[in-house]
Amino acid sequence: MSSKNSNKLNIPEARAAMDKFKMEAANEVGVNLKEGYNGDLTSREAGSVGGQMVKKMIESYENSMK
């Protein structure tokens, strides 16, 4: 069984911006995220970072519609 990463960005140049965004979201929810491997995070911590990212994206979209 091969492992296949499906987390590909449509624009590869956006990787740095997405990494920065992820670090900012982690700081906001109090998760100690580090560069590289973060396999020691709990599911709750990882979910809170992803949830914060989605929340900020929705807020940004709503503000752009005003």
C-alpha atoms as a PDB file:
ATOM      1  CA  MET A   1       0.000   0.000   0.000  1.00  0.00           C
ATOM      2  CA  SER A   2       1.530   3.291  -1.050  1.00  0.00           C
ATOM      3  CA  SER A   3       0.998   6.549   0.775  1.00  0.00           C
ATOM      4  CA  LYS A   4      -0.200   9.347  -1.474  1.00  0.00           C
ATOM      5  CA  ASN A   5      -0.356  12.942  -0.271  1.00  0.00           C
ATOM      6  CA  SER A   6      -3.387  14.660  -1.781  1.00  0.00           C
ATOM      7  CA  ASN A   7      -2.700  18.019  -0.106  1.00  0.00           C
ATOM      8  CA  LYS A   8      -1.502  19.748  -3.248  1.00  0.00           C
ATOM      9  CA  LEU A   9      -1.884  23.458  -3.766  1.00  0.00           C
ATOM     10  CA  ASN A  10      -3.237  24.631  -7.107  1.00  0.00           C
ATOM     11  CA  ILE A  11      -0.554  27.316  -7.107  1.00  0.00           C
ATOM     12  CA  PRO A  12       2.734  25.859  -5.798  1.00  0.00           C
ATOM     13  CA  GLU A  13       4.111  29.354  -5.140  1.00  0.00           C
ATOM     14  CA  ALA A  14       1.422  29.785  -2.474  1.00  0.00           C
ATOM     15  CA  ARG A  15       3.070  27.207  -0.159  1.00  0.00           C
ATOM     16  CA  ALA A  16       4.966  29.837   1.897  1.00  0.00           C
ATOM     17  CA  ALA A  17       1.839  31.958   2.365  1.00  0.00           C
ATOM     18  CA  MET A  18      -0.209  28.926   3.449  1.00  0.00           C
ATOM     19  CA  ASP A  19       2.501  27.860   5.904  1.00  0.00           C
ATOM     20  CA  LYS A  20       2.552  31.368   7.388  1.00  0.00           C
ATOM     21  CA  PHE A  21      -1.258  31.367   7.601  1.00  0.00           C
ATOM     22  CA  LYS A  22      -1.185  27.991   9.377  1.00  0.00           C
ATOM     23  CA  MET A  23       1.393  29.239  11.911  1.00  0.00           C
ATOM     24  CA  GLU A  24      -0.699  32.363  12.622  1.00  0.00           C
ATOM     25  CA  ALA A  25      -3.825  30.264  13.162  1.00  0.00           C
ATOM     26  CA  ALA A  26      -1.921  27.910  15.480  1.00  0.00           C
ATOM     27  CA  ASN A  27      -0.671  30.831  17.568  1.00  0.00           C
ATOM     28  CA  GLU A  28      -4.193  32.244  17.858  1.00  0.00           C
ATOM     29  CA  VAL A  29      -5.554  29.004  19.314  1.00  0.00           C
ATOM     30  CA  GLY A  30      -2.490  28.338  21.484  1.00  0.00           C
ATOM     31  CA  VAL A  31      -1.085  25.319  19.633  1.00  0.00           C
ATOM     32  CA  ASN A  32       2.691  24.969  19.584  1.00  0.00           C
ATOM     33  CA  LEU A  33       3.215  24.320  15.872  1.00  0.00           C
ATOM     34  CA  LYS A  34       6.756  23.985  14.562  1.00  0.00           C
ATOM     35  CA  GLU A  35       8.292  23.953  11.091  1.00  0.00           C
ATOM     36  CA  GLY A  36       8.331  20.509   9.527  1.00  0.00           C
ATOM     37  CA  TYR A  37       6.869  17.400  11.126  1.00  0.00           C
ATOM     38  CA  ASN A  38       4.101  17.905  13.692  1.00  0.00           C
ATOM     39  CA  GLY A  39       3.014  14.316  14.208  1.00  0.00           C
ATOM     40  CA  ASP A  40       3.059  14.780  17.965  1.00  0.00           C
ATOM     41  CA  LEU A  41      -0.052  17.013  17.851  1.00  0.00           C
ATOM     42  CA  THR A  42      -3.279  15.586  19.186  1.00  0.00           C
ATOM     43  CA  SER A  43      -6.291  15.341  16.905  1.00  0.00           C
ATOM     44  CA  ARG A  44      -7.926  18.100  18.944  1.00  0.00           C
ATOM     45  CA  GLU A  45      -4.953  20.436  18.429  1.00  0.00           C
ATOM     46  CA  ALA A  46      -4.709  19.746  14.699  1.00  0.00           C
ATOM     47  CA  GLY A  47      -8.459  20.198  14.323  1.00  0.00           C
ATOM     48  CA  SER A  48      -8.436  23.483  16.183  1.00  0.00           C
ATOM     49  CA  VAL A  49      -5.739  24.841  13.842  1.00  0.00           C
ATOM     50  CA  GLY A  50      -7.689  23.758  10.761  1.00  0.00           C
ATOM     51  CA  GLY A  51     -10.925  25.111  12.203  1.00  0.00           C
ATOM     52  CA  GLN A  52      -9.315  28.468  12.930  1.00  0.00           C
ATOM     53  CA  MET A  53      -7.996  28.618   9.367  1.00  0.00           C
ATOM     54  CA  VAL A  54     -11.469  27.943   7.947  1.00  0.00           C
ATOM     55  CA  LYS A  55     -13.014  30.516  10.302  1.00  0.00           C
ATOM     56  CA  LYS A  56     -10.547  33.180   9.137  1.00  0.00           C
ATOM     57  CA  MET A  57     -11.122  32.310   5.466  1.00  0.00           C
ATOM     58  CA  ILE A  58     -14.892  32.630   5.895  1.00  0.00           C
ATOM     59  CA  GLU A  59     -14.495  35.966   7.705  1.00  0.00           C
ATOM     60  CA  SER A  60     -12.257  37.216   4.905  1.00  0.00           C
ATOM     61  CA  TYR A  61     -14.774  36.164   2.258  1.00  0.00           C
ATOM     62  CA  GLU A  62     -17.672  37.781   4.132  1.00  0.00           C
ATOM     63  CA  ASN A  63     -15.707  41.025   4.518  1.00  0.00           C
ATOM     64  CA  SER A  64     -14.926  41.057   0.795  1.00  0.00           C
ATOM     65  CA  MET A  65     -18.657  40.841   0.025  1.00  0.00           C
ATOM     66  CA  LYS A  66     -19.473  44.013   1.986  1.00  0.00           C
END
